[in-house]
Amino acid sequence: LFRRMFYSDKVFMPMSIVFICDFIYNILFYIIRFVLRNKLDF
């Protein structure tokens, strides 16, 4: 979704996107793998 903001010399944006995507992955993984099995130590 952020392809339109693609600039070669800016490193902050891709690093932020990797940071956010990893957060999304871990939150969804936690919800699916742990919350559904009633392991709630978030």
All heavy atoms as atom14 arrays in JSON, in Angstrom:
{
  "sequence": "LFRRMFYSDKVFMPMSIVFICDFIYNILFYIIRFVLRNKLDF",
  "atom14_mask": [
    [1, 1, 1, 1, 1, 1, 1, 1, 0, 0, 0, 0, 0, 0],
    [1, 1, 1, 1, 1, 1, 1, 1, 1, 1, 1, 0, 0, 0],
    [1, 1, 1, 1, 1, 1, 1, 1, 1, 1, 1, 0, 0, 0],
    [1, 1, 1, 1, 1, 1, 1, 1, 1, 1, 1, 0, 0, 0],
    [1, 1, 1, 1, 1, 1, 1, 1, 0, 0, 0, 0, 0, 0],
    [1, 1, 1, 1, 1, 1, 1, 1, 1, 1, 1, 0, 0, 0],
    [1, 1, 1, 1, 1, 1, 1, 1, 1, 1, 1, 1, 0, 0],
    [1, 1, 1, 1, 1, 1, 0, 0, 0, 0, 0, 0, 0, 0],
    [1, 1, 1, 1, 1, 1, 1, 1, 0, 0, 0, 0, 0, 0],
    [1, 1, 1, 1, 1, 1, 1, 1, 1, 0, 0, 0, 0, 0],
    [1, 1, 1, 1, 1, 1, 1, 0, 0, 0, 0, 0, 0, 0],
    [1, 1, 1, 1, 1, 1, 1, 1, 1, 1, 1, 0, 0, 0],
    [1, 1, 1, 1, 1, 1, 1, 1, 0, 0, 0, 0, 0, 0],
    [1, 1, 1, 1, 1, 1, 1, 0, 0, 0, 0, 0, 0, 0],
    [1, 1, 1, 1, 1, 1, 1, 1, 0, 0, 0, 0, 0, 0],
    [1, 1, 1, 1, 1, 1, 0, 0, 0, 0, 0, 0, 0, 0],
    [1, 1, 1, 1, 1, 1, 1, 1, 0, 0, 0, 0, 0, 0],
    [1, 1, 1, 1, 1, 1, 1, 0, 0, 0, 0, 0, 0, 0],
    [1, 1, 1, 1, 1, 1, 1, 1, 1, 1, 1, 0, 0, 0],
    [1, 1, 1, 1, 1, 1, 1, 1, 0, 0, 0, 0, 0, 0],
    [1, 1, 1, 1, 1, 1, 0, 0, 0, 0, 0, 0, 0, 0],
    [1, 1, 1, 1, 1, 1, 1, 1, 0, 0, 0, 0, 0, 0],
    [1, 1, 1, 1, 1, 1, 1, 1, 1, 1, 1, 0, 0, 0],
    [1, 1, 1, 1, 1, 1, 1, 1, 0, 0, 0, 0, 0, 0],
    [1, 1, 1, 1, 1, 1, 1, 1, 1, 1, 1, 1, 0, 0],
    [1, 1, 1, 1, 1, 1, 1, 1, 0, 0, 0, 0, 0, 0],
    [1, 1, 1, 1, 1, 1, 1, 1, 0, 0, 0, 0, 0, 0],
    [1, 1, 1, 1, 1, 1, 1, 1, 0, 0, 0, 0, 0, 0],
    [1, 1, 1, 1, 1, 1, 1, 1, 1, 1, 1, 0, 0, 0],
    [1, 1, 1, 1, 1, 1, 1, 1, 1, 1, 1, 1, 0, 0],
    [1, 1, 1, 1, 1, 1, 1, 1, 0, 0, 0, 0, 0, 0],
    [1, 1, 1, 1, 1, 1, 1, 1, 0, 0, 0, 0, 0, 0],
    [1, 1, 1, 1, 1, 1, 1, 1, 1, 1, 1, 0, 0, 0],
    [1, 1, 1, 1, 1, 1, 1, 1, 1, 1, 1, 0, 0, 0],
    [1, 1, 1, 1, 1, 1, 1, 0, 0, 0, 0, 0, 0, 0],
    [1, 1, 1, 1, 1, 1, 1, 1, 0, 0, 0, 0, 0, 0],
    [1, 1, 1, 1, 1, 1, 1, 1, 1, 1, 1, 0, 0, 0],
    [1, 1, 1, 1, 1, 1, 1, 1, 0, 0, 0, 0, 0, 0],
    [1, 1, 1, 1, 1, 1, 1, 1, 1, 0, 0, 0, 0, 0],
    [1, 1, 1, 1, 1, 1, 1, 1, 0, 0, 0, 0, 0, 0],
    [1, 1, 1, 1, 1, 1, 1, 1, 0, 0, 0, 0, 0, 0],
    [1, 1, 1, 1, 1, 1, 1, 1, 1, 1, 1, 0, 0, 0]
  ],
  "atom14_positions": [
    [[0.82, -1.22, 0.0], [0.0, 0.0, 0.0], [0.85, 1.27, 0.0], [0.39, 2.32, -0.41], [-0.93, 0.02, 1.22], [-2.05, -1.02, 1.23], [-2.8, -0.96, 2.55], [-3.0, -0.81, 0.07], [0.0, 0.0, 0.0], [0.0, 0.0, 0.0], [0.0, 0.0, 0.0], [0.0, 0.0, 0.0], [0.0, 0.0, 0.0], [0.0, 0.0, 0.0]],
    [[2.09, 1.16, 0.44], [2.97, 2.32, 0.55], [3.91, 2.46, -0.64], [4.87, 3.22, -0.57], [3.77, 2.23, 1.85], [2.91, 2.31, 3.07], [2.49, 1.16, 3.7], [2.49, 3.53, 3.55], [1.67, 1.23, 4.81], [1.68, 3.61, 4.66], [1.27, 2.46, 5.3], [0.0, 0.0, 0.0], [0.0, 0.0, 0.0], [0.0, 0.0, 0.0]],
    [[3.64, 1.76, -1.72], [4.52, 1.81, -2.88], [4.62, 3.21, -3.47], [5.66, 3.62, -3.97], [4.04, 0.84, -3.95], [4.96, 0.82, -5.16], [4.58, -0.3, -6.1], [5.56, -0.42, -7.15], [5.33, -0.01, -8.39], [4.18, 0.53, -8.72], [6.26, -0.15, -9.3], [0.0, 0.0, 0.0], [0.0, 0.0, 0.0], [0.0, 0.0, 0.0]],
    [[3.57, 3.95, -3.4], [3.57, 5.32, -3.94], [4.53, 6.23, -3.18], [4.92, 7.27, -3.67], [2.17, 5.91, -3.88], [1.15, 5.09, -4.61], [0.82, 5.69, -5.93], [-0.26, 4.93, -6.55], [-0.13, 4.31, -7.69], [1.01, 4.35, -8.33], [-1.14, 3.64, -8.21], [0.0, 0.0, 0.0], [0.0, 0.0, 0.0], [0.0, 0.0, 0.0]],
    [[4.9, 5.84, -1.97], [5.82, 6.64, -1.16], [7.24, 6.14, -1.27], [8.08, 6.47, -0.44], [5.4, 6.58, 0.31], [4.01, 7.06, 0.57], [3.57, 6.63, 2.24], [2.9, 8.16, 2.79], [0.0, 0.0, 0.0], [0.0, 0.0, 0.0], [0.0, 0.0, 0.0], [0.0, 0.0, 0.0], [0.0, 0.0, 0.0], [0.0, 0.0, 0.0]],
    [[7.53, 5.35, -2.28], [8.84, 4.72, -2.44], [9.88, 5.75, -2.89], [9.77, 6.32, -3.97], [8.75, 3.57, -3.44], [10.06, 2.9, -3.73], [10.79, 2.32, -2.72], [10.55, 2.86, -5.02], [11.99, 1.7, -2.98], [11.75, 2.24, -5.29], [12.46, 1.67, -4.27], [0.0, 0.0, 0.0], [0.0, 0.0, 0.0], [0.0, 0.0, 0.0]],
    [[10.87, 5.98, -2.05], [11.99, 6.86, -2.37], [13.28, 6.11, -2.07], [13.4, 5.47, -1.02], [11.95, 8.15, -1.55], [10.7, 8.96, -1.79], [9.72, 9.04, -0.81], [10.5, 9.61, -2.99], [8.57, 9.77, -1.02], [9.36, 10.35, -3.21], [8.39, 10.42, -2.23], [7.27, 11.14, -2.45], [0.0, 0.0, 0.0], [0.0, 0.0, 0.0]],
    [[14.23, 6.22, -2.95], [15.44, 5.42, -2.81], [16.33, 5.87, -1.66], [16.94, 5.05, -1.0], [16.24, 5.48, -4.11], [16.65, 6.81, -4.36], [0.0, 0.0, 0.0], [0.0, 0.0, 0.0], [0.0, 0.0, 0.0], [0.0, 0.0, 0.0], [0.0, 0.0, 0.0], [0.0, 0.0, 0.0], [0.0, 0.0, 0.0], [0.0, 0.0, 0.0]],
    [[16.42, 7.15, -1.41], [17.38, 7.63, -0.43], [16.82, 7.65, 0.99], [17.54, 7.91, 1.94], [17.88, 9.02, -0.81], [16.75, 10.02, -0.98], [15.59, 9.58, -1.11], [17.03, 11.22, -0.99], [0.0, 0.0, 0.0], [0.0, 0.0, 0.0], [0.0, 0.0, 0.0], [0.0, 0.0, 0.0], [0.0, 0.0, 0.0], [0.0, 0.0, 0.0]],
    [[15.56, 7.38, 1.16], [14.94, 7.39, 2.47], [14.9, 5.97, 3.03], [14.32, 5.09, 2.45], [13.52, 7.94, 2.41], [13.4, 9.29, 1.74], [14.08, 10.36, 2.55], [13.85, 11.7, 1.89], [14.83, 12.67, 2.2], [0.0, 0.0, 0.0], [0.0, 0.0, 0.0], [0.0, 0.0, 0.0], [0.0, 0.0, 0.0], [0.0, 0.0, 0.0]],
    [[15.53, 5.77, 4.18], [15.59, 4.45, 4.8], [14.55, 4.32, 5.91], [14.15, 3.22, 6.26], [17.01, 4.2, 5.36], [17.12, 2.87, 6.03], [18.03, 4.3, 4.25], [0.0, 0.0, 0.0], [0.0, 0.0, 0.0], [0.0, 0.0, 0.0], [0.0, 0.0, 0.0], [0.0, 0.0, 0.0], [0.0, 0.0, 0.0], [0.0, 0.0, 0.0]],
    [[14.06, 5.44, 6.4], [13.11, 5.41, 7.51], [11.81, 4.71, 7.14], [11.27, 3.92, 7.92], [12.83, 6.83, 8.0], [11.82, 6.88, 9.1], [12.17, 6.47, 10.38], [10.53, 7.31, 8.86], [11.24, 6.51, 11.41], [9.6, 7.34, 9.87], [9.95, 6.95, 11.15], [0.0, 0.0, 0.0], [0.0, 0.0, 0.0], [0.0, 0.0, 0.0]],
    [[11.29, 4.97, 5.95], [10.01, 4.4, 5.56], [10.06, 2.88, 5.44], [9.2, 2.2, 6.02], [9.54, 5.05, 4.25], [8.14, 4.7, 3.91], [7.01, 5.39, 5.12], [5.48, 4.95, 4.42], [0.0, 0.0, 0.0], [0.0, 0.0, 0.0], [0.0, 0.0, 0.0], [0.0, 0.0, 0.0], [0.0, 0.0, 0.0], [0.0, 0.0, 0.0]],
    [[11.01, 2.28, 4.7], [11.01, 0.81, 4.64], [11.29, 0.17, 6.0], [10.73, -0.88, 6.3], [12.11, 0.49, 3.64], [12.87, 1.71, 3.43], [12.0, 2.85, 3.81], [0.0, 0.0, 0.0], [0.0, 0.0, 0.0], [0.0, 0.0, 0.0], [0.0, 0.0, 0.0], [0.0, 0.0, 0.0], [0.0, 0.0, 0.0], [0.0, 0.0, 0.0]],
    [[12.14, 0.8, 6.81], [12.4, 0.26, 8.13], [11.13, 0.31, 8.98], [10.83, -0.64, 9.72], [13.52, 1.04, 8.8], [14.03, 0.39, 10.05], [15.41, 1.25, 10.78], [14.6, 2.66, 11.49], [0.0, 0.0, 0.0], [0.0, 0.0, 0.0], [0.0, 0.0, 0.0], [0.0, 0.0, 0.0], [0.0, 0.0, 0.0], [0.0, 0.0, 0.0]],
    [[10.37, 1.38, 8.88], [9.11, 1.49, 9.61], [8.1, 0.47, 9.14], [7.38, -0.12, 9.95], [8.52, 2.89, 9.44], [9.4, 3.85, 9.91], [0.0, 0.0, 0.0], [0.0, 0.0, 0.0], [0.0, 0.0, 0.0], [0.0, 0.0, 0.0], [0.0, 0.0, 0.0], [0.0, 0.0, 0.0], [0.0, 0.0, 0.0], [0.0, 0.0, 0.0]],
    [[8.05, 0.24, 7.84], [7.11, -0.74, 7.3], [7.48, -2.15, 7.76], [6.6, -2.93, 8.12], [7.05, -0.63, 5.76], [6.34, 0.67, 5.39], [6.35, -1.82, 5.15], [6.36, 0.99, 3.94], [0.0, 0.0, 0.0], [0.0, 0.0, 0.0], [0.0, 0.0, 0.0], [0.0, 0.0, 0.0], [0.0, 0.0, 0.0], [0.0, 0.0, 0.0]],
    [[8.76, -2.47, 7.76], [9.19, -3.78, 8.26], [8.82, -3.91, 9.74], [8.33, -4.96, 10.18], [10.71, -3.98, 8.04], [11.21, -5.19, 8.78], [11.02, -4.09, 6.56], [0.0, 0.0, 0.0], [0.0, 0.0, 0.0], [0.0, 0.0, 0.0], [0.0, 0.0, 0.0], [0.0, 0.0, 0.0], [0.0, 0.0, 0.0], [0.0, 0.0, 0.0]],
    [[9.02, -2.86, 10.5], [8.7, -2.84, 11.92], [7.21, -3.1, 12.14], [6.81, -3.94, 12.95], [9.12, -1.49, 12.5], [9.1, -1.4, 13.99], [10.15, -1.9, 14.74], [8.04, -0.78, 14.64], [10.15, -1.8, 16.12], [8.03, -0.68, 16.01], [9.08, -1.19, 16.76], [0.0, 0.0, 0.0], [0.0, 0.0, 0.0], [0.0, 0.0, 0.0]],
    [[6.37, -2.39, 11.39], [4.91, -2.52, 11.53], [4.44, -3.89, 11.04], [3.59, -4.52, 11.67], [4.2, -1.38, 10.79], [4.47, -0.06, 11.5], [2.7, -1.62, 10.7], [4.06, 1.17, 10.71], [0.0, 0.0, 0.0], [0.0, 0.0, 0.0], [0.0, 0.0, 0.0], [0.0, 0.0, 0.0], [0.0, 0.0, 0.0], [0.0, 0.0, 0.0]],
    [[4.98, -4.36, 9.91], [4.58, -5.67, 9.39], [4.96, -6.79, 10.36], [4.2, -7.75, 10.53], [5.2, -5.92, 8.03], [4.42, -4.99, 6.7], [0.0, 0.0, 0.0], [0.0, 0.0, 0.0], [0.0, 0.0, 0.0], [0.0, 0.0, 0.0], [0.0, 0.0, 0.0], [0.0, 0.0, 0.0], [0.0, 0.0, 0.0], [0.0, 0.0, 0.0]],
    [[6.11, -6.68, 10.98], [6.5, -7.68, 11.96], [5.58, -7.63, 13.17], [5.23, -8.67, 13.74], [7.96, -7.48, 12.37], [8.54, -8.71, 13.03], [8.19, -9.82, 12.61], [9.36, -8.56, 13.95], [0.0, 0.0, 0.0], [0.0, 0.0, 0.0], [0.0, 0.0, 0.0], [0.0, 0.0, 0.0], [0.0, 0.0, 0.0], [0.0, 0.0, 0.0]],
    [[5.16, -6.43, 13.56], [4.19, -6.29, 14.65], [2.86, -6.94, 14.28], [2.28, -7.68, 15.08], [4.01, -4.82, 15.02], [3.05, -4.59, 16.14], [3.43, -4.89, 17.44], [1.79, -4.07, 15.91], [2.54, -4.69, 18.5], [0.91, -3.86, 16.94], [1.28, -4.17, 18.25], [0.0, 0.0, 0.0], [0.0, 0.0, 0.0], [0.0, 0.0, 0.0]],
    [[2.38, -6.67, 13.06], [1.13, -7.27, 12.59], [1.23, -8.8, 12.61], [0.33, -9.5, 13.08], [0.79, -6.77, 11.17], [0.39, -5.3, 11.21], [-0.33, -7.61, 10.54], [0.28, -4.66, 9.84], [0.0, 0.0, 0.0], [0.0, 0.0, 0.0], [0.0, 0.0, 0.0], [0.0, 0.0, 0.0], [0.0, 0.0, 0.0], [0.0, 0.0, 0.0]],
    [[2.35, -9.31, 12.1], [2.56, -10.76, 12.09], [2.52, -11.34, 13.5], [1.82, -12.33, 13.75], [3.91, -11.09, 11.43], [4.37, -12.5, 11.66], [3.78, -13.55, 10.98], [5.37, -12.78, 12.57], [4.19, -14.86, 11.2], [5.78, -14.08, 12.79], [5.19, -15.11, 12.1], [5.6, -16.4, 12.33], [0.0, 0.0, 0.0], [0.0, 0.0, 0.0]],
    [[3.24, -10.73, 14.42], [3.3, -11.26, 15.78], [1.96, -11.15, 16.51], [1.59, -12.06, 17.26], [4.4, -10.56, 16.58], [5.75, -11.12, 16.26], [5.95, -12.32, 16.32], [6.68, -10.26, 15.9], [0.0, 0.0, 0.0], [0.0, 0.0, 0.0], [0.0, 0.0, 0.0], [0.0, 0.0, 0.0], [0.0, 0.0, 0.0], [0.0, 0.0, 0.0]],
    [[1.24, -10.07, 16.3], [-0.08, -9.93, 16.95], [-1.05, -10.96, 16.39], [-1.75, -11.65, 17.16], [-0.63, -8.5, 16.77], [0.2, -7.51, 17.57], [-2.1, -8.41, 17.14], [0.17, -7.73, 19.07], [0.0, 0.0, 0.0], [0.0, 0.0, 0.0], [0.0, 0.0, 0.0], [0.0, 0.0, 0.0], [0.0, 0.0, 0.0], [0.0, 0.0, 0.0]],
    [[-1.12, -11.1, 15.07], [-2.02, -12.11, 14.48], [-1.61, -13.52, 14.88], [-2.46, -14.37, 15.17], [-2.06, -11.96, 12.96], [-2.76, -10.72, 12.44], [-2.63, -10.63, 10.92], [-4.22, -10.72, 12.84], [0.0, 0.0, 0.0], [0.0, 0.0, 0.0], [0.0, 0.0, 0.0], [0.0, 0.0, 0.0], [0.0, 0.0, 0.0], [0.0, 0.0, 0.0]],
    [[-0.32, -13.78, 14.92], [0.17, -15.09, 15.34], [-0.21, -15.35, 16.8], [-0.64, -16.46, 17.15], [1.69, -15.17, 15.15], [2.24, -16.55, 15.29], [2.17, -17.43, 14.23], [2.83, -16.97, 16.47], [2.67, -18.72, 14.33], [3.33, -18.24, 16.59], [3.26, -19.13, 15.52], [0.0, 0.0, 0.0], [0.0, 0.0, 0.0], [0.0, 0.0, 0.0]],
    [[-0.07, -14.35, 17.64], [-0.45, -14.51, 19.05], [-1.94, -14.79, 19.18], [-2.34, -15.69, 19.93], [-0.08, -13.26, 19.84], [-0.57, -13.29, 21.27], [0.1, -14.04, 22.22], [-1.71, -12.59, 21.65], [-0.35, -14.1, 23.53], [-2.16, -12.64, 22.95], [-1.5, -13.39, 23.88], [-1.94, -13.45, 25.17], [0.0, 0.0, 0.0], [0.0, 0.0, 0.0]],
    [[-2.75, -14.05, 18.45], [-4.21, -14.25, 18.54], [-4.59, -15.64, 18.08], [-5.35, -16.35, 18.75], [-4.95, -13.16, 17.72], [-4.82, -11.81, 18.41], [-6.42, -13.52, 17.54], [-5.29, -10.64, 17.58], [0.0, 0.0, 0.0], [0.0, 0.0, 0.0], [0.0, 0.0, 0.0], [0.0, 0.0, 0.0], [0.0, 0.0, 0.0], [0.0, 0.0, 0.0]],
    [[-4.06, -16.06, 16.94], [-4.47, -17.35, 16.39], [-3.89, -18.52, 17.17], [-4.56, -19.52, 17.4], [-4.07, -17.43, 14.9], [-4.9, -16.41, 14.1], [-4.27, -18.82, 14.35], [-4.45, -16.22, 12.68], [0.0, 0.0, 0.0], [0.0, 0.0, 0.0], [0.0, 0.0, 0.0], [0.0, 0.0, 0.0], [0.0, 0.0, 0.0], [0.0, 0.0, 0.0]],
    [[-2.63, -18.42, 17.58], [-1.98, -19.56, 18.22], [-2.17, -19.63, 19.74], [-2.16, -20.71, 20.3], [-0.48, -19.55, 17.91], [-0.16, -19.7, 16.46], [-0.53, -21.04, 15.96], [0.33, -22.03, 16.59], [0.36, -23.3, 16.28], [-0.41, -23.75, 15.35], [1.16, -24.11, 16.9], [0.0, 0.0, 0.0], [0.0, 0.0, 0.0], [0.0, 0.0, 0.0]],
    [[-2.31, -18.5, 20.41], [-2.34, -18.52, 21.87], [-3.69, -18.13, 22.46], [-4.17, -18.8, 23.37], [-1.24, -17.62, 22.45], [0.14, -18.1, 22.1], [0.95, -17.37, 21.26], [0.63, -19.29, 22.61], [2.22, -17.81, 20.93], [1.89, -19.75, 22.29], [2.69, -19.0, 21.45], [0.0, 0.0, 0.0], [0.0, 0.0, 0.0], [0.0, 0.0, 0.0]],
    [[-4.28, -17.06, 21.98], [-5.55, -16.61, 22.55], [-6.64, -17.65, 22.33], [-7.44, -17.92, 23.23], [-5.96, -15.24, 21.98], [-7.37, -14.86, 22.39], [-4.98, -14.17, 22.43], [0.0, 0.0, 0.0], [0.0, 0.0, 0.0], [0.0, 0.0, 0.0], [0.0, 0.0, 0.0], [0.0, 0.0, 0.0], [0.0, 0.0, 0.0], [0.0, 0.0, 0.0]],
    [[-6.65, -18.26, 21.17], [-7.68, -19.27, 20.9], [-7.49, -20.53, 21.74], [-8.4, -21.33, 21.87], [-7.69, -19.62, 19.41], [-8.13, -18.48, 18.49], [-8.07, -18.92, 17.04], [-9.52, -18.0, 18.85], [0.0, 0.0, 0.0], [0.0, 0.0, 0.0], [0.0, 0.0, 0.0], [0.0, 0.0, 0.0], [0.0, 0.0, 0.0], [0.0, 0.0, 0.0]],
    [[-6.31, -20.7, 22.34], [-6.07, -21.82, 23.25], [-6.07, -21.37, 24.71], [-5.6, -22.09, 25.57], [-4.73, -22.5, 22.92], [-4.77, -23.2, 21.59], [-3.55, -24.03, 21.36], [-2.35, -23.19, 21.33], [-1.14, -23.63, 21.58], [-0.94, -24.88, 21.89], [-0.11, -22.81, 21.53], [0.0, 0.0, 0.0], [0.0, 0.0, 0.0], [0.0, 0.0, 0.0]],
    [[-6.59, -20.16, 24.95], [-6.75, -19.59, 26.28], [-5.42, -19.4, 27.01], [-5.34, -19.58, 28.22], [-7.72, -20.44, 27.11], [-8.34, -19.65, 28.24], [-8.36, -18.42, 28.2], [-8.83, -20.35, 29.24], [0.0, 0.0, 0.0], [0.0, 0.0, 0.0], [0.0, 0.0, 0.0], [0.0, 0.0, 0.0], [0.0, 0.0, 0.0], [0.0, 0.0, 0.0]],
    [[-4.39, -19.03, 26.29], [-3.11, -18.65, 26.89], [-3.0, -17.14, 26.75], [-2.66, -16.64, 25.69], [-1.96, -19.37, 26.22], [-2.05, -20.86, 26.4], [-0.84, -21.56, 25.93], [-1.05, -23.04, 26.19], [0.14, -23.79, 26.17], [0.0, 0.0, 0.0], [0.0, 0.0, 0.0], [0.0, 0.0, 0.0], [0.0, 0.0, 0.0], [0.0, 0.0, 0.0]],
    [[-3.29, -16.43, 27.81], [-3.54, -15.0, 27.73], [-2.46, -14.12, 28.35], [-2.74, -13.0, 28.72], [-4.89, -14.68, 28.39], [-6.08, -15.43, 27.82], [-7.32, -15.16, 28.63], [-6.29, -15.06, 26.37], [0.0, 0.0, 0.0], [0.0, 0.0, 0.0], [0.0, 0.0, 0.0], [0.0, 0.0, 0.0], [0.0, 0.0, 0.0], [0.0, 0.0, 0.0]],
    [[-1.25, -14.57, 28.46], [-0.18, -13.75, 29.04], [0.46, -12.89, 27.95], [1.59, -13.12, 27.53], [0.85, -14.65, 29.71], [1.75, -13.88, 30.64], [1.5, -12.67, 30.83], [2.7, -14.47, 31.17], [0.0, 0.0, 0.0], [0.0, 0.0, 0.0], [0.0, 0.0, 0.0], [0.0, 0.0, 0.0], [0.0, 0.0, 0.0], [0.0, 0.0, 0.0]],
    [[-0.29, -11.88, 27.5], [0.15, -11.05, 26.38], [1.38, -10.21, 26.73], [2.27, -10.04, 25.89], [-0.99, -10.14, 25.91], [-0.59, -9.23, 24.8], [-0.36, -9.73, 23.53], [-0.41, -7.88, 25.02], [0.03, -8.9, 22.5], [-0.02, -7.03, 23.99], [0.19, -7.55, 22.72], [0.0, 0.0, 0.0], [0.0, 0.0, 0.0], [0.0, 0.0, 0.0]]
  ]
}
